């Protein structure tokens, strides 16, 4: 399975999709704002990533506005927040076979290119 969860209006996501050649390599794309992540999809990502926290973005604007930076969050909290609000997912998240690539750092993008 080759799948990438992304945001359609995120310039960084669009740049990465183009850079890795997602369309040419027949990768299934899921735009998480219009097609929200299901609990099963999130649980699959967690199995590959090791934790919900690894999928959680502390850079999201709502992280501070909701006062989450002042709380100690549990895995249950991370899961609930990821399902409630798409902006909390570190983007993009790519799954290639049994490998997961989370975020947009140079190293992650390079590893994703090689895997595809």
PDB file of N, CA and C in Angstrom:
ATOM      1  N   UNK A   1       0.842  -1.190   0.000  1.00  0.00           N
ATOM      2  CA  UNK A   1       0.000   0.000   0.000  1.00  0.00           C
ATOM      3  C   UNK A   1       0.880   1.245   0.000  1.00  0.00           C
ATOM      4  N   UNK A   2       0.537   2.193  -0.848  1.00  0.00           N
ATOM      5  CA  UNK A   2       1.210   3.489  -0.881  1.00  0.00           C
ATOM      6  C   UNK A   2       0.137   4.550  -0.694  1.00  0.00           C
ATOM      7  N   UNK A   3       0.228   5.258   0.423  1.00  0.00           N
ATOM      8  CA  UNK A   3      -0.797   6.257   0.724  1.00  0.00           C
ATOM      9  C   UNK A   3      -0.159   7.450   1.406  1.00  0.00           C
ATOM     10  N   UNK A   4      -0.635   8.635   1.038  1.00  0.00           N
ATOM     11  CA  UNK A   4      -0.147   9.860   1.672  1.00  0.00           C
ATOM     12  C   UNK A   4      -1.343  10.669   2.160  1.00  0.00           C
ATOM     13  N   UNK A   5      -1.307  11.009   3.453  1.00  0.00           N
ATOM     14  CA  UNK A   5      -2.308  11.876   4.072  1.00  0.00           C
ATOM     15  C   UNK A   5      -1.730  13.294   4.028  1.00  0.00           C
ATOM     16  N   UNK A   6      -2.484  14.237   3.478  1.00  0.00           N
ATOM     17  CA  UNK A   6      -1.951  15.583   3.290  1.00  0.00           C
ATOM     18  C   UNK A   6      -3.078  16.611   3.381  1.00  0.00           C
ATOM     19  N   UNK A   7      -2.683  17.878   3.320  1.00  0.00           N
ATOM     20  CA  UNK A   7      -3.646  18.978   3.252  1.00  0.00           C
ATOM     21  C   UNK A   7      -3.515  19.623   1.878  1.00  0.00           C
ATOM     22  N   UNK A   8      -4.625  19.765   1.194  1.00  0.00           N
ATOM     23  CA  UNK A   8      -4.611  20.309  -0.155  1.00  0.00           C
ATOM     24  C   UNK A   8      -4.176  21.758  -0.233  1.00  0.00           C
ATOM     25  N   UNK A   9      -4.439  22.539   0.816  1.00  0.00           N
ATOM     26  CA  UNK A   9      -4.083  23.954   0.781  1.00  0.00           C
ATOM     27  C   UNK A   9      -2.752  24.250   1.470  1.00  0.00           C
ATOM     28  N   UNK A  10      -1.981  23.221   1.780  1.00  0.00           N
ATOM     29  CA  UNK A  10      -0.680  23.393   2.437  1.00  0.00           C
ATOM     30  C   UNK A  10       0.408  23.391   1.357  1.00  0.00           C
ATOM     31  N   UNK A  11       1.075  24.522   1.208  1.00  0.00           N
ATOM     32  CA  UNK A  11       2.119  24.636   0.186  1.00  0.00           C
ATOM     33  C   UNK A  11       3.236  23.625   0.397  1.00  0.00           C
ATOM     34  N   UNK A  12       3.600  23.389   1.647  1.00  0.00           N
ATOM     35  CA  UNK A  12       4.669  22.429   1.940  1.00  0.00           C
ATOM     36  C   UNK A  12       4.262  21.027   1.503  1.00  0.00           C
ATOM     37  N   UNK A  13       3.038  20.621   1.813  1.00  0.00           N
ATOM     38  CA  UNK A  13       2.553  19.299   1.393  1.00  0.00           C
ATOM     39  C   UNK A  13       2.574  19.184  -0.125  1.00  0.00           C
ATOM     40  N   UNK A  14       2.091  20.218  -0.820  1.00  0.00           N
ATOM     41  CA  UNK A  14       2.043  20.185  -2.285  1.00  0.00           C
ATOM     42  C   UNK A  14       3.438  20.074  -2.879  1.00  0.00           C
ATOM     43  N   UNK A  15       4.387  20.810  -2.299  1.00  0.00           N
ATOM     44  CA  UNK A  15       5.773  20.771  -2.770  1.00  0.00           C
ATOM     45  C   UNK A  15       6.350  19.366  -2.596  1.00  0.00           C
ATOM     46  N   UNK A  16       6.085  18.740  -1.458  1.00  0.00           N
ATOM     47  CA  UNK A  16       6.607  17.399  -1.183  1.00  0.00           C
ATOM     48  C   UNK A  16       5.968  16.372  -2.115  1.00  0.00           C
ATOM     49  N   UNK A  17       4.654  16.474  -2.337  1.00  0.00           N
ATOM     50  CA  UNK A  17       3.980  15.541  -3.244  1.00  0.00           C
ATOM     51  C   UNK A  17       4.598  15.612  -4.635  1.00  0.00           C
ATOM     52  N   UNK A  18       4.896  16.819  -5.085  1.00  0.00           N
ATOM     53  CA  UNK A  18       5.515  16.997  -6.403  1.00  0.00           C
ATOM     54  C   UNK A  18       6.946  16.440  -6.393  1.00  0.00           C
ATOM     55  N   UNK A  19       7.682  16.740  -5.315  1.00  0.00           N
ATOM     56  CA  UNK A  19       9.080  16.316  -5.215  1.00  0.00           C
ATOM     57  C   UNK A  19       9.230  14.792  -5.219  1.00  0.00           C
ATOM     58  N   UNK A  20       8.344  14.094  -4.535  1.00  0.00           N
ATOM     59  CA  UNK A  20       8.448  12.625  -4.474  1.00  0.00           C
ATOM     60  C   UNK A  20       7.766  11.956  -5.663  1.00  0.00           C
ATOM     61  N   UNK A  21       7.085  12.745  -6.494  1.00  0.00           N
ATOM     62  CA  UNK A  21       6.419  12.191  -7.672  1.00  0.00           C
ATOM     63  C   UNK A  21       5.243  11.296  -7.329  1.00  0.00           C
ATOM     64  N   UNK A  22       4.432  11.727  -6.384  1.00  0.00           N
ATOM     65  CA  UNK A  22       3.326  10.905  -5.883  1.00  0.00           C
ATOM     66  C   UNK A  22       2.360  10.480  -6.988  1.00  0.00           C
ATOM     67  N   UNK A  23       2.039  11.406  -7.899  1.00  0.00           N
ATOM     68  CA  UNK A  23       1.075  11.078  -8.957  1.00  0.00           C
ATOM     69  C   UNK A  23       1.633  10.031  -9.920  1.00  0.00           C
ATOM     70  N   UNK A  24       2.885  10.170 -10.285  1.00  0.00           N
ATOM     71  CA  UNK A  24       3.505   9.232 -11.229  1.00  0.00           C
ATOM     72  C   UNK A  24       3.653   7.834 -10.638  1.00  0.00           C
ATOM     73  N   UNK A  25       3.798   7.771  -9.340  1.00  0.00           N
ATOM     74  CA  UNK A  25       4.040   6.479  -8.679  1.00  0.00           C
ATOM     75  C   UNK A  25       2.757   5.848  -8.151  1.00  0.00           C
ATOM     76  N   UNK A  26       1.632   6.362  -8.596  1.00  0.00           N
ATOM     77  CA  UNK A  26       0.315   5.824  -8.253  1.00  0.00           C
ATOM     78  C   UNK A  26       0.106   5.669  -6.747  1.00  0.00           C
ATOM     79  N   UNK A  27       0.398   6.749  -6.054  1.00  0.00           N
ATOM     80  CA  UNK A  27       0.191   6.791  -4.608  1.00  0.00           C
ATOM     81  C   UNK A  27      -1.230   7.272  -4.351  1.00  0.00           C
ATOM     82  N   UNK A  28      -1.921   6.588  -3.441  1.00  0.00           N
ATOM     83  CA  UNK A  28      -3.266   7.015  -3.064  1.00  0.00           C
ATOM     84  C   UNK A  28      -3.137   8.232  -2.145  1.00  0.00           C
ATOM     85  N   UNK A  29      -3.825   9.314  -2.502  1.00  0.00           N
ATOM     86  CA  UNK A  29      -3.766  10.537  -1.713  1.00  0.00           C
ATOM     87  C   UNK A  29      -5.068  10.727  -0.953  1.00  0.00           C
ATOM     88  N   UNK A  30      -4.940  11.146   0.304  1.00  0.00           N
ATOM     89  CA  UNK A  30      -6.133  11.454   1.098  1.00  0.00           C
ATOM     90  C   UNK A  30      -5.984  12.855   1.663  1.00  0.00           C
ATOM     91  N   UNK A  31      -6.862  13.749   1.229  1.00  0.00           N
ATOM     92  CA  UNK A  31      -6.872  15.125   1.704  1.00  0.00           C
ATOM     93  C   UNK A  31      -7.638  15.137   3.027  1.00  0.00           C
ATOM     94  N   UNK A  32      -6.927  15.358   4.123  1.00  0.00           N
ATOM     95  CA  UNK A  32      -7.503  15.126   5.453  1.00  0.00           C
ATOM     96  C   UNK A  32      -8.542  16.155   5.892  1.00  0.00           C
ATOM     97  N   UNK A  33      -8.629  17.286   5.208  1.00  0.00           N
ATOM     98  CA  UNK A  33      -9.650  18.274   5.568  1.00  0.00           C
ATOM     99  C   UNK A  33     -11.006  17.862   4.991  1.00  0.00           C
ATOM    100  N   UNK A  34     -11.011  17.385   3.756  1.00  0.00           N
ATOM    101  CA  UNK A  34     -12.268  17.009   3.113  1.00  0.00           C
ATOM    102  C   UNK A  34     -12.629  15.546   3.357  1.00  0.00           C
ATOM    103  N   UNK A  35     -11.630  14.716   3.642  1.00  0.00           N
ATOM    104  CA  UNK A  35     -11.860  13.294   3.932  1.00  0.00           C
ATOM    105  C   UNK A  35     -11.119  12.951   5.235  1.00  0.00           C
ATOM    106  N   UNK A  36     -11.762  13.222   6.369  1.00  0.00           N
ATOM    107  CA  UNK A  36     -11.090  13.043   7.670  1.00  0.00           C
ATOM    108  C   UNK A  36     -10.559  11.622   7.891  1.00  0.00           C
ATOM    109  N   UNK A  37      -9.531  11.557   8.705  1.00  0.00           N
ATOM    110  CA  UNK A  37      -8.923  10.273   9.057  1.00  0.00           C
ATOM    111  C   UNK A  37      -9.897   9.492   9.929  1.00  0.00           C
ATOM    112  N   UNK A  38     -10.039   8.218   9.650  1.00  0.00           N
ATOM    113  CA  UNK A  38     -10.917   7.358  10.443  1.00  0.00           C
ATOM    114  C   UNK A  38     -10.141   6.825  11.649  1.00  0.00           C
ATOM    115  N   UNK A  39     -10.843   6.370  12.678  1.00  0.00           N
ATOM    116  CA  UNK A  39     -10.152   5.770  13.827  1.00  0.00           C
ATOM    117  C   UNK A  39      -9.261   4.583  13.413  1.00  0.00           C
ATOM    118  N   UNK A  40      -9.731   3.761  12.456  1.00  0.00           N
ATOM    119  CA  UNK A  40      -8.925   2.623  12.000  1.00  0.00           C
ATOM    120  C   UNK A  40      -7.646   3.081  11.317  1.00  0.00           C
ATOM    121  N   UNK A  41      -7.747   4.128  10.485  1.00  0.00           N
ATOM    122  CA  UNK A  41      -6.553   4.650   9.812  1.00  0.00           C
ATOM    123  C   UNK A  41      -5.558   5.201  10.832  1.00  0.00           C
ATOM    124  N   UNK A  42      -6.069   5.916  11.832  1.00  0.00           N
ATOM    125  CA  UNK A  42      -5.203   6.484  12.859  1.00  0.00           C
ATOM    126  C   UNK A  42      -4.523   5.377  13.663  1.00  0.00           C
ATOM    127  N   UNK A  43      -5.273   4.329  13.986  1.00  0.00           N
ATOM    128  CA  UNK A  43      -4.694   3.209  14.740  1.00  0.00           C
ATOM    129  C   UNK A  43      -3.615   2.503  13.920  1.00  0.00           C
ATOM    130  N   UNK A  44      -3.821   2.394  12.603  1.00  0.00           N
ATOM    131  CA  UNK A  44      -2.804   1.788  11.737  1.00  0.00           C
ATOM    132  C   UNK A  44      -1.535   2.650  11.740  1.00  0.00           C
ATOM    133  N   UNK A  45      -1.704   3.964  11.654  1.00  0.00           N
ATOM    134  CA  UNK A  45      -0.551   4.873  11.692  1.00  0.00           C
ATOM    135  C   UNK A  45       0.188   4.732  13.013  1.00  0.00           C
ATOM    136  N   UNK A  46      -0.569   4.626  14.106  1.00  0.00           N
ATOM    137  CA  UNK A  46       0.041   4.496  15.436  1.00  0.00           C
ATOM    138  C   UNK A  46       0.863   3.214  15.535  1.00  0.00           C
ATOM    139  N   UNK A  47       0.340   2.112  14.968  1.00  0.00           N
ATOM    140  CA  UNK A  47       1.071   0.840  14.992  1.00  0.00           C
ATOM    141  C   UNK A  47       2.424   0.992  14.305  1.00  0.00           C
ATOM    142  N   UNK A  48       2.447   1.690  13.178  1.00  0.00           N
ATOM    143  CA  UNK A  48       3.693   1.879  12.432  1.00  0.00           C
ATOM    144  C   UNK A  48       4.618   2.899  13.093  1.00  0.00           C
ATOM    145  N   UNK A  49       4.024   3.951  13.679  1.00  0.00           N
ATOM    146  CA  UNK A  49       4.819   5.033  14.271  1.00  0.00           C
ATOM    147  C   UNK A  49       5.261   4.735  15.701  1.00  0.00           C
ATOM    148  N   UNK A  50       4.522   3.864  16.395  1.00  0.00           N
ATOM    149  CA  UNK A  50       4.884   3.531  17.771  1.00  0.00           C
ATOM    150  C   UNK A  50       4.072   4.273  18.814  1.00  0.00           C
ATOM    151  N   UNK A  51       3.524   5.443  18.456  1.00  0.00           N
ATOM    152  CA  UNK A  51       2.708   6.197  19.409  1.00  0.00           C
ATOM    153  C   UNK A  51       1.870   7.236  18.667  1.00  0.00           C
ATOM    154  N   UNK A  52       0.827   7.676  19.319  1.00  0.00           N
ATOM    155  CA  UNK A  52       0.025   8.766  18.758  1.00  0.00           C
ATOM    156  C   UNK A  52       0.794  10.077  18.856  1.00  0.00           C
ATOM    157  N   UNK A  53       1.607  10.185  19.891  1.00  0.00           N
ATOM    158  CA  UNK A  53       2.381  11.406  20.087  1.00  0.00           C
ATOM    159  C   UNK A  53       3.308  11.675  18.900  1.00  0.00           C
ATOM    160  N   UNK A  54       3.854  10.617  18.299  1.00  0.00           N
ATOM    161  CA  UNK A  54       4.743  10.771  17.146  1.00  0.00           C
ATOM    162  C   UNK A  54       4.019  11.386  15.953  1.00  0.00           C
ATOM    163  N   UNK A  55       2.703  11.240  15.907  1.00  0.00           N
ATOM    164  CA  UNK A  55       1.892  11.775  14.808  1.00  0.00           C
ATOM    165  C   UNK A  55       1.365  13.174  15.100  1.00  0.00           C
ATOM    166  N   UNK A  56       1.545  13.632  16.320  1.00  0.00           N
ATOM    167  CA  UNK A  56       0.935  14.869  16.805  1.00  0.00           C
ATOM    168  C   UNK A  56       1.835  16.075  16.559  1.00  0.00           C
ATOM    169  N   UNK A  57       1.255  17.130  16.002  1.00  0.00           N
ATOM    170  CA  UNK A  57       2.017  18.351  15.729  1.00  0.00           C
ATOM    171  C   UNK A  57       1.767  19.387  16.817  1.00  0.00           C
ATOM    172  N   UNK A  58       2.836  19.761  17.468  1.00  0.00           N
ATOM    173  CA  UNK A  58       2.733  20.823  18.477  1.00  0.00           C
ATOM    174  C   UNK A  58       2.820  22.204  17.822  1.00  0.00           C
ATOM    175  N   UNK A  59       3.052  22.238  16.519  1.00  0.00           N
ATOM    176  CA  UNK A  59       3.122  23.508  15.792  1.00  0.00           C
ATOM    177  C   UNK A  59       1.739  24.018  15.388  1.00  0.00           C
ATOM    178  N   UNK A  60       0.742  23.173  15.498  1.00  0.00           N
ATOM    179  CA  UNK A  60      -0.617  23.579  15.115  1.00  0.00           C
ATOM    180  C   UNK A  60      -1.039  24.790  15.940  1.00  0.00           C
ATOM    181  N   UNK A  61      -1.686  25.736  15.289  1.00  0.00           N
ATOM    182  CA  UNK A  61      -2.111  26.964  15.976  1.00  0.00           C
ATOM    183  C   UNK A  61      -3.030  26.664  17.157  1.00  0.00           C
ATOM    184  N   UNK A  62      -3.859  25.664  17.016  1.00  0.00           N
ATOM    185  CA  UNK A  62      -4.808  25.335  18.088  1.00  0.00           C
ATOM    186  C   UNK A  62      -4.122  24.747  19.317  1.00  0.00           C
ATOM    187  N   UNK A  63      -2.905  24.250  19.167  1.00  0.00           N
ATOM    188  CA  UNK A  63      -2.188  23.655  20.295  1.00  0.00           C
ATOM    189  C   UNK A  63      -2.063  24.667  21.436  1.00  0.00           C
ATOM    190  N   UNK A  64      -1.630  25.854  21.111  1.00  0.00           N
ATOM    191  CA  UNK A  64      -1.481  26.897  22.137  1.00  0.00           C
ATOM    192  C   UNK A  64      -2.831  27.531  22.488  1.00  0.00           C
ATOM    193  N   UNK A  65      -3.664  27.783  21.472  1.00  0.00           N
ATOM    194  CA  UNK A  65      -4.933  28.471  21.738  1.00  0.00           C
ATOM    195  C   UNK A  65      -5.854  27.635  22.632  1.00  0.00           C
ATOM    196  N   UNK A  66      -5.720  26.313  22.584  1.00  0.00           N
ATOM    197  CA  UNK A  66      -6.531  25.446  23.450  1.00  0.00           C
ATOM    198  C   UNK A  66      -5.861  25.214  24.806  1.00  0.00           C
ATOM    199  N   UNK A  67      -4.671  25.803  24.985  1.00  0.00           N
ATOM    200  CA  UNK A  67      -3.966  25.657  26.253  1.00  0.00           C
ATOM    201  C   UNK A  67      -3.338  24.284  26.449  1.00  0.00           C
ATOM    202  N   UNK A  68      -3.156  23.537  25.365  1.00  0.00           N
ATOM    203  CA  UNK A  68      -2.610  22.181  25.480  1.00  0.00           C
ATOM    204  C   UNK A  68      -1.141  22.180  25.898  1.00  0.00           C
ATOM    205  N   UNK A  69      -0.438  23.277  25.602  1.00  0.00           N
ATOM    206  CA  UNK A  69       0.971  23.363  25.974  1.00  0.00           C
ATOM    207  C   UNK A  69       1.163  23.420  27.488  1.00  0.00           C
ATOM    208  N   UNK A  70       0.077  23.680  28.213  1.00  0.00           N
ATOM    209  CA  UNK A  70       0.143  23.743  29.668  1.00  0.00           C
ATOM    210  C   UNK A  70      -0.336  22.456  30.329  1.00  0.00           C
ATOM    211  N   UNK A  71      -0.685  21.466  29.517  1.00  0.00           N
ATOM    212  CA  UNK A  71      -1.209  20.207  30.049  1.00  0.00           C
ATOM    213  C   UNK A  71      -0.236  19.063  29.769  1.00  0.00           C
ATOM    214  N   UNK A  72      -0.377  18.009  30.559  1.00  0.00           N
ATOM    215  CA  UNK A  72       0.356  16.777  30.287  1.00  0.00           C
ATOM    216  C   UNK A  72      -0.619  15.855  29.572  1.00  0.00           C
ATOM    217  N   UNK A  73      -0.330  15.593  28.299  1.00  0.00           N
ATOM    218  CA  UNK A  73      -1.239  14.801  27.480  1.00  0.00           C
ATOM    219  C   UNK A  73      -0.856  13.321  27.498  1.00  0.00           C
ATOM    220  N   UNK A  74      -1.862  12.471  27.505  1.00  0.00           N
ATOM    221  CA  UNK A  74      -1.648  11.023  27.458  1.00  0.00           C
ATOM    222  C   UNK A  74      -1.863  10.545  26.023  1.00  0.00           C
ATOM    223  N   UNK A  75      -1.541   9.287  25.747  1.00  0.00           N
ATOM    224  CA  UNK A  75      -1.774   8.716  24.425  1.00  0.00           C
ATOM    225  C   UNK A  75      -3.264   8.795  24.063  1.00  0.00           C
ATOM    226  N   UNK A  76      -4.117   8.583  25.057  1.00  0.00           N
ATOM    227  CA  UNK A  76      -5.570   8.667  24.834  1.00  0.00           C
ATOM    228  C   UNK A  76      -5.950  10.081  24.400  1.00  0.00           C
ATOM    229  N   UNK A  77      -5.324  11.096  25.027  1.00  0.00           N
ATOM    230  CA  UNK A  77      -5.577  12.499  24.655  1.00  0.00           C
ATOM    231  C   UNK A  77      -5.120  12.773  23.230  1.00  0.00           C
ATOM    232  N   UNK A  78      -3.911  12.309  22.894  1.00  0.00           N
ATOM    233  CA  UNK A  78      -3.390  12.523  21.539  1.00  0.00           C
ATOM    234  C   UNK A  78      -4.331  11.903  20.504  1.00  0.00           C
ATOM    235  N   UNK A  79      -4.793  10.685  20.757  1.00  0.00           N
ATOM    236  CA  UNK A  79      -5.685  10.001  19.818  1.00  0.00           C
ATOM    237  C   UNK A  79      -6.984  10.795  19.631  1.00  0.00           C
ATOM    238  N   UNK A  80      -7.581  11.215  20.736  1.00  0.00           N
ATOM    239  CA  UNK A  80      -8.830  11.976  20.686  1.00  0.00           C
ATOM    240  C   UNK A  80      -8.645  13.279  19.909  1.00  0.00           C
ATOM    241  N   UNK A  81      -7.574  13.998  20.211  1.00  0.00           N
ATOM    242  CA  UNK A  81      -7.323  15.276  19.548  1.00  0.00           C
ATOM    243  C   UNK A  81      -7.065  15.101  18.054  1.00  0.00           C
ATOM    244  N   UNK A  82      -6.308  14.063  17.695  1.00  0.00           N
ATOM    245  CA  UNK A  82      -6.031  13.801  16.276  1.00  0.00           C
ATOM    246  C   UNK A  82      -7.319  13.493  15.512  1.00  0.00           C
ATOM    247  N   UNK A  83      -8.239  12.789  16.139  1.00  0.00           N
ATOM    248  CA  UNK A  83      -9.498  12.463  15.475  1.00  0.00           C
ATOM    249  C   UNK A  83     -10.446  13.666  15.422  1.00  0.00           C
ATOM    250  N   UNK A  84     -10.371  14.536  16.430  1.00  0.00           N
ATOM    251  CA  UNK A  84     -11.254  15.705  16.487  1.00  0.00           C
ATOM    252  C   UNK A  84     -10.815  16.822  15.549  1.00  0.00           C
ATOM    253  N   UNK A  85      -9.510  17.008  15.399  1.00  0.00           N
ATOM    254  CA  UNK A  85      -9.005  18.180  14.688  1.00  0.00           C
ATOM    255  C   UNK A  85      -7.866  17.788  13.737  1.00  0.00           C
ATOM    256  N   UNK A  86      -8.126  17.879  12.431  1.00  0.00           N
ATOM    257  CA  UNK A  86      -7.142  17.452  11.433  1.00  0.00           C
ATOM    258  C   UNK A  86      -5.830  18.234  11.510  1.00  0.00           C
ATOM    259  N   UNK A  87      -5.859  19.469  12.023  1.00  0.00           N
ATOM    260  CA  UNK A  87      -4.635  20.275  12.051  1.00  0.00           C
ATOM    261  C   UNK A  87      -3.590  19.722  13.011  1.00  0.00           C
ATOM    262  N   UNK A  88      -3.969  18.811  13.899  1.00  0.00           N
ATOM    263  CA  UNK A  88      -3.002  18.259  14.838  1.00  0.00           C
ATOM    264  C   UNK A  88      -2.131  17.161  14.225  1.00  0.00           C
ATOM    265  N   UNK A  89      -2.456  16.701  13.034  1.00  0.00           N
ATOM    266  CA  UNK A  89      -1.645  15.661  12.399  1.00  0.00           C
ATOM    267  C   UNK A  89      -0.404  16.291  11.775  1.00  0.00           C
ATOM    268  N   UNK A  90       0.775  15.750  12.115  1.00  0.00           N
ATOM    269  CA  UNK A  90       2.010  16.186  11.465  1.00  0.00           C
ATOM    270  C   UNK A  90       1.882  15.813  10.005  1.00  0.00           C
ATOM    271  N   UNK A  91       2.150  16.762   9.118  1.00  0.00           N
ATOM    272  CA  UNK A  91       1.914  16.483   7.706  1.00  0.00           C
ATOM    273  C   UNK A  91       3.157  16.676   6.875  1.00  0.00           C
ATOM    274  N   UNK A  92       3.194  15.959   5.765  1.00  0.00           N
ATOM    275  CA  UNK A  92       2.327  14.847   5.395  1.00  0.00           C
ATOM    276  C   UNK A  92       2.714  13.566   6.136  1.00  0.00           C
ATOM    277  N   UNK A  93       1.798  12.600   6.133  1.00  0.00           N
ATOM    278  CA  UNK A  93       2.090  11.259   6.655  1.00  0.00           C
ATOM    279  C   UNK A  93       1.975  10.317   5.462  1.00  0.00           C
ATOM    280  N   UNK A  94       3.061   9.586   5.205  1.00  0.00           N
ATOM    281  CA  UNK A  94       3.067   8.644   4.080  1.00  0.00           C
ATOM    282  C   UNK A  94       3.268   7.237   4.613  1.00  0.00           C
ATOM    283  N   UNK A  95       2.516   6.305   4.039  1.00  0.00           N
ATOM    284  CA  UNK A  95       2.676   4.895   4.381  1.00  0.00           C
ATOM    285  C   UNK A  95       3.043   4.164   3.098  1.00  0.00           C
ATOM    286  N   UNK A  96       4.176   3.497   3.132  1.00  0.00           N
ATOM    287  CA  UNK A  96       4.636   2.699   1.994  1.00  0.00           C
ATOM    288  C   UNK A  96       4.928   1.308   2.533  1.00  0.00           C
ATOM    289  N   UNK A  97       4.056   0.357   2.197  1.00  0.00           N
ATOM    290  CA  UNK A  97       4.203  -0.996   2.746  1.00  0.00           C
ATOM    291  C   UNK A  97       4.043  -0.957   4.250  1.00  0.00           C
ATOM    292  N   UNK A  98       5.101  -1.376   4.959  1.00  0.00           N
ATOM    293  CA  UNK A  98       5.046  -1.352   6.423  1.00  0.00           C
ATOM    294  C   UNK A  98       5.938  -0.247   7.004  1.00  0.00           C
ATOM    295  N   UNK A  99       6.244   0.762   6.184  1.00  0.00           N
ATOM    296  CA  UNK A  99       7.041   1.902   6.635  1.00  0.00           C
ATOM    297  C   UNK A  99       6.146   3.132   6.711  1.00  0.00           C
ATOM    298  N   UNK A 100       6.446   4.007   7.679  1.00  0.00           N
ATOM    299  CA  UNK A 100       5.702   5.258   7.808  1.00  0.00           C
ATOM    300  C   UNK A 100       6.693   6.412   7.810  1.00  0.00           C
ATOM    301  N   UNK A 101       6.297   7.491   7.143  1.00  0.00           N
ATOM    302  CA  UNK A 101       7.123   8.688   7.043  1.00  0.00           C
ATOM    303  C   UNK A 101       6.264   9.851   7.519  1.00  0.00           C
ATOM    304  N   UNK A 102       6.715  10.507   8.594  1.00  0.00           N
ATOM    305  CA  UNK A 102       5.906  11.533   9.250  1.00  0.00           C
ATOM    306  C   UNK A 102       6.615  12.877   9.182  1.00  0.00           C
ATOM    307  N   UNK A 103       5.917  13.874   8.662  1.00  0.00           N
ATOM    308  CA  UNK A 103       6.451  15.226   8.678  1.00  0.00           C
ATOM    309  C   UNK A 103       7.152  15.618   7.402  1.00  0.00           C
ATOM    310  N   UNK A 104       7.813  16.773   7.463  1.00  0.00           N
ATOM    311  CA  UNK A 104       8.373  17.351   6.252  1.00  0.00           C
ATOM    312  C   UNK A 104       9.847  17.713   6.354  1.00  0.00           C
ATOM    313  N   UNK A 105      10.572  17.064   7.262  1.00  0.00           N
ATOM    314  CA  UNK A 105      11.997  17.350   7.337  1.00  0.00           C
ATOM    315  C   UNK A 105      12.686  16.796   6.089  1.00  0.00           C
ATOM    316  N   UNK A 106      13.840  17.347   5.786  1.00  0.00           N
ATOM    317  CA  UNK A 106      14.587  16.929   4.603  1.00  0.00           C
ATOM    318  C   UNK A 106      14.879  15.429   4.624  1.00  0.00           C
ATOM    319  N   UNK A 107      15.288  14.929   5.792  1.00  0.00           N
ATOM    320  CA  UNK A 107      15.626  13.495   5.932  1.00  0.00           C
ATOM    321  C   UNK A 107      14.408  12.609   5.669  1.00  0.00           C
ATOM    322  N   UNK A 108      13.251  13.015   6.172  1.00  0.00           N
ATOM    323  CA  UNK A 108      12.018  12.220   5.979  1.00  0.00           C
ATOM    324  C   UNK A 108      11.633  12.218   4.501  1.00  0.00           C
ATOM    325  N   UNK A 109      11.712  13.375   3.853  1.00  0.00           N
ATOM    326  CA  UNK A 109      11.352  13.469   2.439  1.00  0.00           C
ATOM    327  C   UNK A 109      12.302  12.626   1.584  1.00  0.00           C
ATOM    328  N   UNK A 110      13.581  12.653   1.887  1.00  0.00           N
ATOM    329  CA  UNK A 110      14.568  11.849   1.139  1.00  0.00           C
ATOM    330  C   UNK A 110      14.283  10.357   1.325  1.00  0.00           C
ATOM    331  N   UNK A 111      13.998   9.948   2.559  1.00  0.00           N
ATOM    332  CA  UNK A 111      13.699   8.538   2.829  1.00  0.00           C
ATOM    333  C   UNK A 111      12.427   8.103   2.093  1.00  0.00           C
ATOM    334  N   UNK A 112      11.433   8.989   2.054  1.00  0.00           N
ATOM    335  CA  UNK A 112      10.199   8.697   1.337  1.00  0.00           C
ATOM    336  C   UNK A 112      10.458   8.526  -0.159  1.00  0.00           C
ATOM    337  N   UNK A 113      11.288   9.399  -0.725  1.00  0.00           N
ATOM    338  CA  UNK A 113      11.630   9.296  -2.149  1.00  0.00           C
ATOM    339  C   UNK A 113      12.231   7.938  -2.458  1.00  0.00           C
ATOM    340  N   UNK A 114      13.148   7.495  -1.602  1.00  0.00           N
ATOM    341  CA  UNK A 114      13.804   6.192  -1.812  1.00  0.00           C
ATOM    342  C   UNK A 114      12.815   5.041  -1.695  1.00  0.00           C
ATOM    343  N   UNK A 115      11.889   5.147  -0.746  1.00  0.00           N
ATOM    344  CA  UNK A 115      10.923   4.071  -0.520  1.00  0.00           C
ATOM    345  C   UNK A 115       9.935   3.947  -1.677  1.00  0.00           C
ATOM    346  N   UNK A 116       9.613   5.083  -2.303  1.00  0.00           N
ATOM    347  CA  UNK A 116       8.672   5.061  -3.419  1.00  0.00           C
ATOM    348  C   UNK A 116       9.375   4.590  -4.682  1.00  0.00           C
TER     349      UNK A 116
END
